[in-house]
């Protein structure tokens, strides 16, 4: 499915960011002021990262961002295999249900590290109110905004809460989506999973992401530093009913 050229204003963010950084660097050089120390070093780092990024990878990322923004409904099932450190589960499952302008749920289930059962964390939106419930806290809270709720369960979800949800609610994350956190993405050879072709994008952060060539949705994420692997089975714009948002 070709989506080249089908970009909304946010879709050009990477290009605008690169252009702004390069203009600043050129201005500093023209004035004979090499950026050093503090903000100067930060600018140099941004210039190096932006120019090192693979334009082909950036184009695919833009298309994938737009694909998530265009979704009316989305559901997935996620298999988690992680290192078990820093509250990350060794194995677990997660699922997401989303309806644009309506309900939302992400629910994570993993073996309870303190017992024999399953520990569940969840964040959801119901009738416009945002809720969070963690296995450790137990009680339901509506005091935290969606962004904070998703960040709260990031470790116990092996970062699944900060991947697809940040793309579905990109306007709430203000430049801190999963793709925004990639520094110098580069495009590798295509991979075939389940008979489908996938773009393979690797990043200097150690993250590798496989994106379905047809749907442009995320199929697999390898977390940096050997933290784990997340496998997605995603359904775009499929009929969705109340049962999809029922908490288990």
C-alpha atoms as a PDB file:
ATOM      1  CA  UNK A   1       0.000   0.000   0.000  1.00  0.00           C
ATOM      2  CA  UNK A   2       1.724   3.138  -1.180  1.00  0.00           C
ATOM      3  CA  UNK A   3       1.219   6.171   1.036  1.00  0.00           C
ATOM      4  CA  UNK A   4       3.902   8.455  -0.269  1.00  0.00           C
ATOM      5  CA  UNK A   5       2.831  12.061  -0.378  1.00  0.00           C
ATOM      6  CA  UNK A   6      -0.176  11.541   1.905  1.00  0.00           C
ATOM      7  CA  UNK A   7       1.135  13.702   4.738  1.00  0.00           C
ATOM      8  CA  UNK A   8      -0.610  16.061   7.092  1.00  0.00           C
ATOM      9  CA  UNK A   9       1.228  18.954   8.825  1.00  0.00           C
ATOM     10  CA  UNK A  10       2.540  16.733  11.608  1.00  0.00           C
ATOM     11  CA  UNK A  11       3.921  14.344   9.013  1.00  0.00           C
ATOM     12  CA  UNK A  12       6.644  16.802   8.055  1.00  0.00           C
ATOM     13  CA  UNK A  13       7.849  17.268  11.633  1.00  0.00           C
ATOM     14  CA  UNK A  14      11.130  15.378  11.104  1.00  0.00           C
ATOM     15  CA  UNK A  15      11.929  17.484   8.037  1.00  0.00           C
ATOM     16  CA  UNK A  16      11.093  20.744   9.800  1.00  0.00           C
ATOM     17  CA  UNK A  17      13.190  19.727  12.805  1.00  0.00           C
ATOM     18  CA  UNK A  18      16.174  18.909  10.600  1.00  0.00           C
ATOM     19  CA  UNK A  19      15.829  22.155   8.620  1.00  0.00           C
ATOM     20  CA  UNK A  20      15.657  24.268  11.785  1.00  0.00           C
ATOM     21  CA  UNK A  21      18.707  22.615  13.309  1.00  0.00           C
ATOM     22  CA  UNK A  22      20.738  22.998  10.139  1.00  0.00           C
ATOM     23  CA  UNK A  23      19.757  26.675   9.746  1.00  0.00           C
ATOM     24  CA  UNK A  24      20.870  27.364  13.314  1.00  0.00           C
ATOM     25  CA  UNK A  25      24.171  25.592  12.742  1.00  0.00           C
ATOM     26  CA  UNK A  26      24.801  27.546   9.516  1.00  0.00           C
ATOM     27  CA  UNK A  27      24.002  30.859  11.228  1.00  0.00           C
ATOM     28  CA  UNK A  28      26.392  30.112  14.069  1.00  0.00           C
ATOM     29  CA  UNK A  29      29.127  29.154  11.642  1.00  0.00           C
ATOM     30  CA  UNK A  30      28.570  32.272   9.526  1.00  0.00           C
ATOM     31  CA  UNK A  31      28.897  34.443  12.609  1.00  0.00           C
ATOM     32  CA  UNK A  32      32.165  32.741  13.467  1.00  0.00           C
ATOM     33  CA  UNK A  33      30.689  31.252  16.632  1.00  0.00           C
ATOM     34  CA  UNK A  34      31.254  27.551  16.847  1.00  0.00           C
ATOM     35  CA  UNK A  35      28.627  26.198  19.263  1.00  0.00           C
ATOM     36  CA  UNK A  36      30.451  25.013  22.359  1.00  0.00           C
ATOM     37  CA  UNK A  37      29.254  24.188  25.839  1.00  0.00           C
ATOM     38  CA  UNK A  38      25.669  23.968  27.131  1.00  0.00           C
ATOM     39  CA  UNK A  39      23.130  24.676  24.373  1.00  0.00           C
ATOM     40  CA  UNK A  40      25.924  24.806  21.821  1.00  0.00           C
ATOM     41  CA  UNK A  41      26.936  21.214  22.457  1.00  0.00           C
ATOM     42  CA  UNK A  42      23.278  20.230  22.396  1.00  0.00           C
ATOM     43  CA  UNK A  43      22.849  21.860  18.986  1.00  0.00           C
ATOM     44  CA  UNK A  44      25.951  20.075  17.657  1.00  0.00           C
ATOM     45  CA  UNK A  45      24.566  16.790  18.907  1.00  0.00           C
ATOM     46  CA  UNK A  46      21.208  17.451  17.269  1.00  0.00           C
ATOM     47  CA  UNK A  47      22.869  18.368  13.984  1.00  0.00           C
ATOM     48  CA  UNK A  48      24.945  15.196  14.034  1.00  0.00           C
ATOM     49  CA  UNK A  49      21.927  13.025  14.866  1.00  0.00           C
ATOM     50  CA  UNK A  50      19.662  14.680  12.311  1.00  0.00           C
ATOM     51  CA  UNK A  51      22.183  14.425   9.482  1.00  0.00           C
ATOM     52  CA  UNK A  52      23.020  10.809  10.400  1.00  0.00           C
ATOM     53  CA  UNK A  53      19.380   9.698  10.217  1.00  0.00           C
ATOM     54  CA  UNK A  54      18.489   7.711   7.101  1.00  0.00           C
ATOM     55  CA  UNK A  55      15.995   9.689   4.945  1.00  0.00           C
ATOM     56  CA  UNK A  56      14.378   6.430   3.840  1.00  0.00           C
ATOM     57  CA  UNK A  57      13.748   5.467   7.460  1.00  0.00           C
ATOM     58  CA  UNK A  58      12.377   8.927   8.236  1.00  0.00           C
ATOM     59  CA  UNK A  59       9.962   8.660   5.310  1.00  0.00           C
ATOM     60  CA  UNK A  60       8.631   5.316   6.546  1.00  0.00           C
ATOM     61  CA  UNK A  61       8.312   6.703  10.069  1.00  0.00           C
ATOM     62  CA  UNK A  62       6.307   9.662   8.728  1.00  0.00           C
ATOM     63  CA  UNK A  63       3.994   7.308   6.871  1.00  0.00           C
ATOM     64  CA  UNK A  64       3.555   5.099   9.931  1.00  0.00           C
ATOM     65  CA  UNK A  65       2.808   8.124  12.139  1.00  0.00           C
ATOM     66  CA  UNK A  66       0.136   9.206   9.684  1.00  0.00           C
ATOM     67  CA  UNK A  67      -1.314   5.689   9.493  1.00  0.00           C
ATOM     68  CA  UNK A  68      -1.916   5.714  13.256  1.00  0.00           C
ATOM     69  CA  UNK A  69      -3.406   9.214  13.117  1.00  0.00           C
ATOM     70  CA  UNK A  70      -5.801   8.102  10.369  1.00  0.00           C
ATOM     71  CA  UNK A  71      -7.151   5.126  12.307  1.00  0.00           C
ATOM     72  CA  UNK A  72     -10.801   5.202  13.357  1.00  0.00           C
ATOM     73  CA  UNK A  73     -10.437   2.029  15.430  1.00  0.00           C
ATOM     74  CA  UNK A  74      -7.506  -0.121  16.466  1.00  0.00           C
ATOM     75  CA  UNK A  75      -7.057  -3.311  18.463  1.00  0.00           C
ATOM     76  CA  UNK A  76      -4.056  -5.517  19.076  1.00  0.00           C
ATOM     77  CA  UNK A  77      -2.703  -8.450  21.028  1.00  0.00           C
ATOM     78  CA  UNK A  78       0.881  -8.182  22.249  1.00  0.00           C
ATOM     79  CA  UNK A  79       3.223 -10.923  23.388  1.00  0.00           C
ATOM     80  CA  UNK A  80       5.906  -9.731  25.801  1.00  0.00           C
ATOM     81  CA  UNK A  81       9.261 -11.420  26.384  1.00  0.00           C
ATOM     82  CA  UNK A  82      11.515  -9.276  28.567  1.00  0.00           C
ATOM     83  CA  UNK A  83      14.522  -9.551  30.860  1.00  0.00           C
ATOM     84  CA  UNK A  84      12.640  -9.439  34.161  1.00  0.00           C
ATOM     85  CA  UNK A  85      14.654  -6.493  35.470  1.00  0.00           C
ATOM     86  CA  UNK A  86      13.405  -3.163  36.845  1.00  0.00           C
ATOM     87  CA  UNK A  87       9.832  -4.473  37.161  1.00  0.00           C
ATOM     88  CA  UNK A  88       9.753  -5.680  33.541  1.00  0.00           C
ATOM     89  CA  UNK A  89       8.017  -9.067  33.249  1.00  0.00           C
ATOM     90  CA  UNK A  90       9.858 -12.049  31.827  1.00  0.00           C
ATOM     91  CA  UNK A  91       6.735 -13.050  29.918  1.00  0.00           C
ATOM     92  CA  UNK A  92       3.388 -11.381  29.632  1.00  0.00           C
ATOM     93  CA  UNK A  93       0.544 -10.321  27.411  1.00  0.00           C
ATOM     94  CA  UNK A  94      -1.014  -6.993  26.615  1.00  0.00           C
ATOM     95  CA  UNK A  95      -3.894  -5.780  24.520  1.00  0.00           C
ATOM     96  CA  UNK A  96      -5.037  -2.424  23.230  1.00  0.00           C
ATOM     97  CA  UNK A  97      -8.470  -1.243  22.129  1.00  0.00           C
ATOM     98  CA  UNK A  98      -9.029   2.212  20.696  1.00  0.00           C
ATOM     99  CA  UNK A  99     -11.873   4.157  19.142  1.00  0.00           C
ATOM    100  CA  UNK A 100     -11.093   7.625  17.828  1.00  0.00           C
ATOM    101  CA  UNK A 101     -12.906  10.185  19.958  1.00  0.00           C
ATOM    102  CA  UNK A 102     -14.314   7.445  22.190  1.00  0.00           C
ATOM    103  CA  UNK A 103     -13.051   4.691  24.453  1.00  0.00           C
ATOM    104  CA  UNK A 104      -9.541   3.378  25.000  1.00  0.00           C
ATOM    105  CA  UNK A 105      -7.976   0.528  26.951  1.00  0.00           C
ATOM    106  CA  UNK A 106      -4.521  -0.928  27.353  1.00  0.00           C
ATOM    107  CA  UNK A 107      -4.279  -3.883  29.700  1.00  0.00           C
ATOM    108  CA  UNK A 108      -1.149  -5.808  30.655  1.00  0.00           C
ATOM    109  CA  UNK A 109      -1.065  -9.214  32.332  1.00  0.00           C
ATOM    110  CA  UNK A 110       2.095 -10.879  33.640  1.00  0.00           C
ATOM    111  CA  UNK A 111       3.017 -13.388  36.319  1.00  0.00           C
ATOM    112  CA  UNK A 112       2.717 -11.771  39.716  1.00  0.00           C
ATOM    113  CA  UNK A 113       6.297 -11.397  41.066  1.00  0.00           C
ATOM    114  CA  UNK A 114       4.912 -11.537  44.626  1.00  0.00           C
ATOM    115  CA  UNK A 115       2.434 -14.387  44.260  1.00  0.00           C
ATOM    116  CA  UNK A 116       1.127 -17.256  42.154  1.00  0.00           C
ATOM    117  CA  UNK A 117      -1.469 -15.371  40.147  1.00  0.00           C
ATOM    118  CA  UNK A 118      -1.389 -12.835  37.331  1.00  0.00           C
ATOM    119  CA  UNK A 119      -0.660  -9.171  37.950  1.00  0.00           C
ATOM    120  CA  UNK A 120      -2.674  -6.759  35.809  1.00  0.00           C
ATOM    121  CA  UNK A 121      -2.094  -3.104  35.042  1.00  0.00           C
ATOM    122  CA  UNK A 122      -4.475  -1.078  32.943  1.00  0.00           C
ATOM    123  CA  UNK A 123      -5.134   2.427  31.706  1.00  0.00           C
ATOM    124  CA  UNK A 124      -8.424   3.315  30.059  1.00  0.00           C
ATOM    125  CA  UNK A 125     -10.765   6.073  28.955  1.00  0.00           C
ATOM    126  CA  UNK A 126     -14.454   5.715  29.670  1.00  0.00           C
ATOM    127  CA  UNK A 127     -17.019   8.403  28.908  1.00  0.00           C
ATOM    128  CA  UNK A 128     -14.259  10.973  28.600  1.00  0.00           C
ATOM    129  CA  UNK A 129     -12.617  10.185  31.962  1.00  0.00           C
ATOM    130  CA  UNK A 130      -9.108   8.726  32.126  1.00  0.00           C
ATOM    131  CA  UNK A 131      -8.392   5.944  34.634  1.00  0.00           C
ATOM    132  CA  UNK A 132      -5.437   3.893  35.823  1.00  0.00           C
ATOM    133  CA  UNK A 133      -5.290   0.748  37.939  1.00  0.00           C
ATOM    134  CA  UNK A 134      -2.018  -0.942  38.843  1.00  0.00           C
ATOM    135  CA  UNK A 135      -1.371  -4.371  40.285  1.00  0.00           C
ATOM    136  CA  UNK A 136       0.640  -2.894  43.154  1.00  0.00           C
ATOM    137  CA  UNK A 137      -1.771  -0.110  44.040  1.00  0.00           C
ATOM    138  CA  UNK A 138      -4.956  -1.994  43.326  1.00  0.00           C
ATOM    139  CA  UNK A 139      -7.352   0.923  43.534  1.00  0.00           C
ATOM    140  CA  UNK A 140      -8.788   2.696  40.502  1.00  0.00           C
ATOM    141  CA  UNK A 141      -7.646   6.296  40.121  1.00  0.00           C
ATOM    142  CA  UNK A 142      -8.903   9.029  37.816  1.00  0.00           C
ATOM    143  CA  UNK A 143      -6.508  11.620  39.237  1.00  0.00           C
ATOM    144  CA  UNK A 144      -3.762  11.139  36.636  1.00  0.00           C
ATOM    145  CA  UNK A 145      -3.965  12.282  33.007  1.00  0.00           C
ATOM    146  CA  UNK A 146      -3.592   9.669  30.293  1.00  0.00           C
ATOM    147  CA  UNK A 147       0.067  10.479  29.642  1.00  0.00           C
ATOM    148  CA  UNK A 148       1.030  10.010  33.280  1.00  0.00           C
ATOM    149  CA  UNK A 149      -0.977   6.825  33.582  1.00  0.00           C
ATOM    150  CA  UNK A 150       0.766   5.305  30.573  1.00  0.00           C
ATOM    151  CA  UNK A 151       4.173   6.303  31.924  1.00  0.00           C
ATOM    152  CA  UNK A 152       3.314   4.802  35.331  1.00  0.00           C
ATOM    153  CA  UNK A 153       2.866   1.315  33.841  1.00  0.00           C
ATOM    154  CA  UNK A 154       5.726   1.571  31.342  1.00  0.00           C
ATOM    155  CA  UNK A 155       8.077  -0.718  33.290  1.00  0.00           C
ATOM    156  CA  UNK A 156       5.516  -3.392  34.160  1.00  0.00           C
ATOM    157  CA  UNK A 157       4.303  -3.354  30.542  1.00  0.00           C
ATOM    158  CA  UNK A 158       7.862  -3.640  29.168  1.00  0.00           C
ATOM    159  CA  UNK A 159       7.314  -0.234  27.552  1.00  0.00           C
ATOM    160  CA  UNK A 160       4.244  -1.300  25.527  1.00  0.00           C
ATOM    161  CA  UNK A 161       2.275   1.534  27.136  1.00  0.00           C
ATOM    162  CA  UNK A 162       4.653   4.071  25.564  1.00  0.00           C
ATOM    163  CA  UNK A 163       4.713   2.677  22.048  1.00  0.00           C
ATOM    164  CA  UNK A 164       1.406   2.427  20.140  1.00  0.00           C
ATOM    165  CA  UNK A 165      -0.669   4.521  22.603  1.00  0.00           C
ATOM    166  CA  UNK A 166       1.697   7.468  22.125  1.00  0.00           C
ATOM    167  CA  UNK A 167       1.099   7.262  18.364  1.00  0.00           C
ATOM    168  CA  UNK A 168      -2.682   6.984  18.715  1.00  0.00           C
ATOM    169  CA  UNK A 169      -2.688   9.994  21.065  1.00  0.00           C
ATOM    170  CA  UNK A 170       0.222  11.862  19.501  1.00  0.00           C
ATOM    171  CA  UNK A 171      -1.334  15.244  20.279  1.00  0.00           C
ATOM    172  CA  UNK A 172      -1.091  14.491  24.002  1.00  0.00           C
ATOM    173  CA  UNK A 173       2.620  13.633  23.906  1.00  0.00           C
ATOM    174  CA  UNK A 174       3.958  16.834  22.325  1.00  0.00           C
ATOM    175  CA  UNK A 175       7.021  15.439  20.554  1.00  0.00           C
ATOM    176  CA  UNK A 176       7.567  12.525  22.951  1.00  0.00           C
ATOM    177  CA  UNK A 177       5.995   9.676  21.004  1.00  0.00           C
ATOM    178  CA  UNK A 178       7.730   6.352  20.427  1.00  0.00           C
ATOM    179  CA  UNK A 179       9.036   7.522  17.050  1.00  0.00           C
ATOM    180  CA  UNK A 180      10.115  10.891  18.449  1.00  0.00           C
ATOM    181  CA  UNK A 181      12.409   9.103  20.881  1.00  0.00           C
ATOM    182  CA  UNK A 182      14.369   7.468  18.050  1.00  0.00           C
ATOM    183  CA  UNK A 183      17.588   9.415  17.447  1.00  0.00           C
ATOM    184  CA  UNK A 184      19.236   8.196  14.230  1.00  0.00           C
ATOM    185  CA  UNK A 185      16.925   5.643  12.596  1.00  0.00           C
ATOM    186  CA  UNK A 186      18.247   3.729   9.610  1.00  0.00           C
ATOM    187  CA  UNK A 187      16.556   1.371   7.173  1.00  0.00           C
ATOM    188  CA  UNK A 188      17.783  -2.197   6.890  1.00  0.00           C
ATOM    189  CA  UNK A 189      16.769  -5.111   4.699  1.00  0.00           C
ATOM    190  CA  UNK A 190      13.104  -6.061   4.613  1.00  0.00           C
ATOM    191  CA  UNK A 191      12.014  -9.000   6.758  1.00  0.00           C
ATOM    192  CA  UNK A 192       9.171 -11.432   6.232  1.00  0.00           C
ATOM    193  CA  UNK A 193       7.045 -12.460   9.216  1.00  0.00           C
ATOM    194  CA  UNK A 194       3.903 -14.534   8.871  1.00  0.00           C
ATOM    195  CA  UNK A 195       4.133 -14.234   5.104  1.00  0.00           C
ATOM    196  CA  UNK A 196       4.045 -10.417   5.215  1.00  0.00           C
ATOM    197  CA  UNK A 197       6.843  -8.008   4.312  1.00  0.00           C
ATOM    198  CA  UNK A 198       8.141  -5.603   6.948  1.00  0.00           C
ATOM    199  CA  UNK A 199      10.435  -2.623   6.938  1.00  0.00           C
ATOM    200  CA  UNK A 200      13.251  -3.001   9.447  1.00  0.00           C
ATOM    201  CA  UNK A 201      14.346   0.200  11.143  1.00  0.00           C
ATOM    202  CA  UNK A 202      17.213   0.217  13.630  1.00  0.00           C
ATOM    203  CA  UNK A 203      18.233   3.102  15.831  1.00  0.00           C
ATOM    204  CA  UNK A 204      21.318   4.216  17.727  1.00  0.00           C
ATOM    205  CA  UNK A 205      19.322   3.806  20.955  1.00  0.00           C
ATOM    206  CA  UNK A 206      19.459   0.051  20.338  1.00  0.00           C
ATOM    207  CA  UNK A 207      15.795  -0.171  19.371  1.00  0.00           C
ATOM    208  CA  UNK A 208      14.727  -2.149  16.295  1.00  0.00           C
ATOM    209  CA  UNK A 209      11.197  -1.847  14.942  1.00  0.00           C
ATOM    210  CA  UNK A 210       9.505  -3.855  12.196  1.00  0.00           C
ATOM    211  CA  UNK A 211       6.714  -2.023  10.349  1.00  0.00           C
ATOM    212  CA  UNK A 212       4.258  -3.833   8.089  1.00  0.00           C
ATOM    213  CA  UNK A 213       4.781  -2.705   4.481  1.00  0.00           C
ATOM    214  CA  UNK A 214       1.035  -2.796   3.710  1.00  0.00           C
ATOM    215  CA  UNK A 215      -0.595  -1.438   6.870  1.00  0.00           C
ATOM    216  CA  UNK A 216       2.375   0.662   8.076  1.00  0.00           C
ATOM    217  CA  UNK A 217       1.615  -0.500  11.620  1.00  0.00           C
ATOM    218  CA  UNK A 218       4.191  -1.815  14.084  1.00  0.00           C
ATOM    219  CA  UNK A 219       4.623  -5.586  14.040  1.00  0.00           C
ATOM    220  CA  UNK A 220       7.609  -6.104  16.357  1.00  0.00           C
ATOM    221  CA  UNK A 221       9.822  -4.024  18.641  1.00  0.00           C
ATOM    222  CA  UNK A 222      13.191  -5.115  20.010  1.00  0.00           C
ATOM    223  CA  UNK A 223      13.918  -2.961  23.035  1.00  0.00           C
ATOM    224  CA  UNK A 224      17.345  -1.399  23.413  1.00  0.00           C
ATOM    225  CA  UNK A 225      19.935  -2.943  25.697  1.00  0.00           C
ATOM    226  CA  UNK A 226      18.508  -6.449  25.340  1.00  0.00           C
ATOM    227  CA  UNK A 227      15.528  -5.525  27.532  1.00  0.00           C
ATOM    228  CA  UNK A 228      13.100  -7.626  25.548  1.00  0.00           C
ATOM    229  CA  UNK A 229      10.914  -8.160  22.512  1.00  0.00           C
ATOM    230  CA  UNK A 230       7.301  -7.187  21.827  1.00  0.00           C
ATOM    231  CA  UNK A 231       5.244  -8.934  19.135  1.00  0.00           C
ATOM    232  CA  UNK A 232       2.077  -7.219  17.864  1.00  0.00           C
ATOM    233  CA  UNK A 233      -0.949  -8.679  16.120  1.00  0.00           C
ATOM    234  CA  UNK A 234      -2.798  -5.541  15.077  1.00  0.00           C
ATOM    235  CA  UNK A 235      -6.202  -4.900  13.517  1.00  0.00           C
ATOM    236  CA  UNK A 236      -6.835  -1.558  11.852  1.00  0.00           C
ATOM    237  CA  UNK A 237     -10.281  -0.026  11.397  1.00  0.00           C
ATOM    238  CA  UNK A 238     -12.070  -3.293  12.163  1.00  0.00           C
ATOM    239  CA  UNK A 239     -15.537  -3.247  13.765  1.00  0.00           C
ATOM    240  CA  UNK A 240     -15.193  -2.770  17.503  1.00  0.00           C
ATOM    241  CA  UNK A 241     -17.755  -3.300  20.245  1.00  0.00           C
ATOM    242  CA  UNK A 242     -18.129  -2.772  24.006  1.00  0.00           C
ATOM    243  CA  UNK A 243     -16.589  -6.178  24.702  1.00  0.00           C
ATOM    244  CA  UNK A 244     -13.234  -4.915  23.377  1.00  0.00           C
ATOM    245  CA  UNK A 245     -13.089  -2.382  26.221  1.00  0.00           C
ATOM    246  CA  UNK A 246     -14.182  -4.785  28.942  1.00  0.00           C
ATOM    247  CA  UNK A 247     -11.504  -5.056  31.615  1.00  0.00           C
ATOM    248  CA  UNK A 248     -10.494  -8.603  32.465  1.00  0.00           C
END
